[in-house]
Amino acid sequence: MTNQLYPLYREAALAGNADFDADTMVMILARTSGYTFSTAHDFLNDVPGGSRASTTSALTSKTVTQGTADAADPVFTSVASGAACDCVILTESNGTESTSQLYAYYDTGTGIPITPNGGNINVTISGSGLFTL
């Protein structure tokens, strides 16, 4: 698989029902041994809790410029030791998993997969941003 936007996020964005710079956004470090990307997934409740290793704090310094979403580099804090994590999911975090929109899925990039060792995991967002519509 390659990094991609969730198709139902694209649909929500085009319909005006998703707003990257206004929504509270987080990243989830996950294991594909417990989660498989699907084009039918739309909300956070589609990602099993057991596949999630860690969640960042809310993304900061979010911008949208010429169709490209970007943010400051986040950190997964004190990620418990365990099996390798091989994907990162960008999602809205509104307090209700069944309405928190899934935005993007990343399984390709420097440092992926990564095996947590109890320490922090720093994410470096590409110079070209998180995604472009």
C-alpha atoms as a PDB file:
ATOM      1  CA  MET A   1       0.000   0.000   0.000  1.00  0.00           C
ATOM      2  CA  THR A   2       1.089   3.592  -0.324  1.00  0.00           C
ATOM      3  CA  ASN A   3       0.342   6.760   1.601  1.00  0.00           C
ATOM      4  CA  GLN A   4      -3.126   7.965   0.728  1.00  0.00           C
ATOM      5  CA  LEU A   5      -6.146   9.974   1.741  1.00  0.00           C
ATOM      6  CA  TYR A   6      -9.221   8.107   2.854  1.00  0.00           C
ATOM      7  CA  PRO A   7     -11.717   8.407  -0.035  1.00  0.00           C
ATOM      8  CA  LEU A   8     -14.562   9.201   2.357  1.00  0.00           C
ATOM      9  CA  TYR A   9     -12.498  12.078   3.765  1.00  0.00           C
ATOM     10  CA  ARG A  10     -12.173  13.482   0.237  1.00  0.00           C
ATOM     11  CA  GLU A  11     -15.914  13.218  -0.135  1.00  0.00           C
ATOM     12  CA  ALA A  12     -16.495  14.926   3.223  1.00  0.00           C
ATOM     13  CA  ALA A  13     -14.024  17.703   2.358  1.00  0.00           C
ATOM     14  CA  LEU A  14     -15.651  18.371  -0.998  1.00  0.00           C
ATOM     15  CA  ALA A  15     -19.076  18.455   0.660  1.00  0.00           C
ATOM     16  CA  GLY A  16     -17.816  20.927   3.269  1.00  0.00           C
ATOM     17  CA  ASN A  17     -18.101  18.420   6.133  1.00  0.00           C
ATOM     18  CA  ALA A  18     -14.389  18.238   7.071  1.00  0.00           C
ATOM     19  CA  ASP A  19     -12.141  21.181   7.860  1.00  0.00           C
ATOM     20  CA  PHE A  20      -8.460  20.384   8.515  1.00  0.00           C
ATOM     21  CA  ASP A  21      -7.473  23.752   9.911  1.00  0.00           C
ATOM     22  CA  ALA A  22     -10.579  24.084  12.120  1.00  0.00           C
ATOM     23  CA  ASP A  23     -10.776  20.455  13.330  1.00  0.00           C
ATOM     24  CA  THR A  24      -8.689  19.128  16.225  1.00  0.00           C
ATOM     25  CA  MET A  25      -6.260  16.799  14.462  1.00  0.00           C
ATOM     26  CA  VAL A  26      -4.040  14.028  15.876  1.00  0.00           C
ATOM     27  CA  MET A  27      -1.855  11.253  14.514  1.00  0.00           C
ATOM     28  CA  ILE A  28      -2.144   7.628  15.585  1.00  0.00           C
ATOM     29  CA  LEU A  29       0.795   5.217  15.491  1.00  0.00           C
ATOM     30  CA  ALA A  30      -0.635   1.808  14.609  1.00  0.00           C
ATOM     31  CA  ARG A  31       0.152  -1.775  13.667  1.00  0.00           C
ATOM     32  CA  THR A  32      -1.259  -3.270  10.488  1.00  0.00           C
ATOM     33  CA  SER A  33      -1.299  -6.614  12.292  1.00  0.00           C
ATOM     34  CA  GLY A  34      -4.457  -5.232  13.925  1.00  0.00           C
ATOM     35  CA  TYR A  35      -5.660  -2.777  11.275  1.00  0.00           C
ATOM     36  CA  THR A  36      -6.022  -3.015   7.522  1.00  0.00           C
ATOM     37  CA  PHE A  37      -6.662   0.121   5.472  1.00  0.00           C
ATOM     38  CA  SER A  38      -9.983   0.123   3.656  1.00  0.00           C
ATOM     39  CA  THR A  39     -11.495   2.635   1.272  1.00  0.00           C
ATOM     40  CA  ALA A  40     -14.769   2.080   3.176  1.00  0.00           C
ATOM     41  CA  HIS A  41     -13.353   3.432   6.450  1.00  0.00           C
ATOM     42  CA  ASP A  42     -14.547   6.882   7.414  1.00  0.00           C
ATOM     43  CA  PHE A  43     -14.321   7.372  11.177  1.00  0.00           C
ATOM     44  CA  LEU A  44     -11.907   6.522  13.981  1.00  0.00           C
ATOM     45  CA  ASN A  45     -14.116   3.684  15.238  1.00  0.00           C
ATOM     46  CA  ASP A  46     -12.988   1.771  12.114  1.00  0.00           C
ATOM     47  CA  VAL A  47      -9.469   1.555  13.624  1.00  0.00           C
ATOM     48  CA  PRO A  48      -9.464  -1.107  16.374  1.00  0.00           C
ATOM     49  CA  GLY A  49      -8.181   0.215  19.702  1.00  0.00           C
ATOM     50  CA  GLY A  50      -5.842  -2.761  20.045  1.00  0.00           C
ATOM     51  CA  SER A  51      -3.955  -1.769  16.890  1.00  0.00           C
ATOM     52  CA  ARG A  52      -3.187   1.729  18.226  1.00  0.00           C
ATOM     53  CA  ALA A  53       0.194   2.082  19.942  1.00  0.00           C
ATOM     54  CA  SER A  54       0.067   5.818  20.642  1.00  0.00           C
ATOM     55  CA  THR A  55      -1.684   9.083  19.799  1.00  0.00           C
ATOM     56  CA  THR A  56      -0.075  12.502  19.525  1.00  0.00           C
ATOM     57  CA  SER A  57      -1.393  15.601  21.198  1.00  0.00           C
ATOM     58  CA  ALA A  58      -3.442  17.885  18.952  1.00  0.00           C
ATOM     59  CA  LEU A  59      -1.445  19.050  15.943  1.00  0.00           C
ATOM     60  CA  THR A  60      -0.317  22.669  16.144  1.00  0.00           C
ATOM     61  CA  SER A  61       0.563  25.381  13.638  1.00  0.00           C
ATOM     62  CA  LYS A  62      -1.841  23.900  11.102  1.00  0.00           C
ATOM     63  CA  THR A  63      -1.999  25.610   7.732  1.00  0.00           C
ATOM     64  CA  VAL A  64      -3.752  25.116   4.439  1.00  0.00           C
ATOM     65  CA  THR A  65      -1.962  26.748   1.516  1.00  0.00           C
ATOM     66  CA  GLN A  66      -2.858  26.202  -2.143  1.00  0.00           C
ATOM     67  CA  GLY A  67      -4.609  22.926  -1.279  1.00  0.00           C
ATOM     68  CA  THR A  68      -1.793  21.554   0.901  1.00  0.00           C
ATOM     69  CA  ALA A  69      -2.350  20.783   4.588  1.00  0.00           C
ATOM     70  CA  ASP A  70       0.624  21.111   6.918  1.00  0.00           C
ATOM     71  CA  ALA A  71       1.375  21.258  10.655  1.00  0.00           C
ATOM     72  CA  ALA A  72       4.243  21.380  13.120  1.00  0.00           C
ATOM     73  CA  ASP A  73       6.083  18.096  13.640  1.00  0.00           C
ATOM     74  CA  PRO A  74       4.249  16.089  16.346  1.00  0.00           C
ATOM     75  CA  VAL A  75       5.621  13.653  18.928  1.00  0.00           C
ATOM     76  CA  PHE A  76       4.333  10.281  20.111  1.00  0.00           C
ATOM     77  CA  THR A  77       5.208  10.493  23.813  1.00  0.00           C
ATOM     78  CA  SER A  78       6.574   7.560  25.851  1.00  0.00           C
ATOM     79  CA  VAL A  79       5.389   4.865  23.436  1.00  0.00           C
ATOM     80  CA  ALA A  80       5.257   1.549  25.295  1.00  0.00           C
ATOM     81  CA  SER A  81       7.622  -1.149  24.082  1.00  0.00           C
ATOM     82  CA  GLY A  82       6.000  -3.633  21.767  1.00  0.00           C
ATOM     83  CA  ALA A  83       5.727  -4.969  18.260  1.00  0.00           C
ATOM     84  CA  ALA A  84       6.756  -2.843  15.308  1.00  0.00           C
ATOM     85  CA  CYS A  85       4.369  -0.100  14.231  1.00  0.00           C
ATOM     86  CA  ASP A  86       4.031   0.204  10.500  1.00  0.00           C
ATOM     87  CA  CYS A  87       1.499   2.932   9.831  1.00  0.00           C
ATOM     88  CA  VAL A  88       0.430   6.384  10.967  1.00  0.00           C
ATOM     89  CA  ILE A  89      -3.138   7.605  10.663  1.00  0.00           C
ATOM     90  CA  LEU A  90      -4.141  11.268  10.538  1.00  0.00           C
ATOM     91  CA  THR A  91      -7.562  11.760  12.074  1.00  0.00           C
ATOM     92  CA  GLU A  92      -9.873  14.316  13.552  1.00  0.00           C
ATOM     93  CA  SER A  93     -10.275  14.000  17.318  1.00  0.00           C
ATOM     94  CA  ASN A  94     -13.609  15.388  18.488  1.00  0.00           C
ATOM     95  CA  GLY A  95     -14.156  13.111  21.483  1.00  0.00           C
ATOM     96  CA  THR A  96     -16.493  10.712  19.661  1.00  0.00           C
ATOM     97  CA  GLU A  97     -14.824   7.953  17.649  1.00  0.00           C
ATOM     98  CA  SER A  98     -17.906   7.322  15.488  1.00  0.00           C
ATOM     99  CA  THR A  99     -17.779  10.923  14.178  1.00  0.00           C
ATOM    100  CA  SER A 100     -14.007  11.617  14.185  1.00  0.00           C
ATOM    101  CA  GLN A 101     -13.171  11.717  10.458  1.00  0.00           C
ATOM    102  CA  LEU A 102     -10.202   9.668   9.203  1.00  0.00           C
ATOM    103  CA  TYR A 103      -8.119  11.887   6.901  1.00  0.00           C
ATOM    104  CA  ALA A 104      -4.944  10.114   5.764  1.00  0.00           C
ATOM    105  CA  TYR A 105      -3.050   6.830   6.029  1.00  0.00           C
ATOM    106  CA  TYR A 106       0.753   6.682   5.871  1.00  0.00           C
ATOM    107  CA  ASP A 107       2.727   3.445   5.668  1.00  0.00           C
ATOM    108  CA  THR A 108       5.683   4.661   3.645  1.00  0.00           C
ATOM    109  CA  GLY A 109       8.329   7.073   4.883  1.00  0.00           C
ATOM    110  CA  THR A 110      11.572   7.417   6.754  1.00  0.00           C
ATOM    111  CA  GLY A 111      11.457   5.432   9.985  1.00  0.00           C
ATOM    112  CA  ILE A 112       8.396   3.318   9.104  1.00  0.00           C
ATOM    113  CA  PRO A 113       8.173   0.663  10.451  1.00  0.00           C
ATOM    114  CA  ILE A 114       9.443   1.533  13.913  1.00  0.00           C
ATOM    115  CA  THR A 115       9.660  -0.611  17.031  1.00  0.00           C
ATOM    116  CA  PRO A 116       8.713   1.361  20.162  1.00  0.00           C
ATOM    117  CA  ASN A 117      11.111   1.096  23.124  1.00  0.00           C
ATOM    118  CA  GLY A 118       9.320   3.175  25.754  1.00  0.00           C
ATOM    119  CA  GLY A 119      10.701   6.496  24.539  1.00  0.00           C
ATOM    120  CA  ASN A 120       9.327   9.310  22.450  1.00  0.00           C
ATOM    121  CA  ILE A 121       8.923   8.962  18.691  1.00  0.00           C
ATOM    122  CA  ASN A 122       9.351  12.199  16.764  1.00  0.00           C
ATOM    123  CA  VAL A 123       7.490  12.628  13.488  1.00  0.00           C
ATOM    124  CA  THR A 124       9.054  14.765  10.787  1.00  0.00           C
ATOM    125  CA  ILE A 125       6.397  15.963   8.369  1.00  0.00           C
ATOM    126  CA  SER A 126       7.573  16.148   4.776  1.00  0.00           C
ATOM    127  CA  GLY A 127       8.616  19.550   3.479  1.00  0.00           C
ATOM    128  CA  SER A 128       5.732  19.227   1.024  1.00  0.00           C
ATOM    129  CA  GLY A 129       3.195  18.963   3.879  1.00  0.00           C
ATOM    130  CA  LEU A 130       0.871  16.264   5.125  1.00  0.00           C
ATOM    131  CA  PHE A 131      -1.280  15.995   2.010  1.00  0.00           C
ATOM    132  CA  THR A 132      -2.618  17.949  -0.951  1.00  0.00           C
ATOM    133  CA  LEU A 133      -6.172  17.872  -2.253  1.00  0.00           C
END
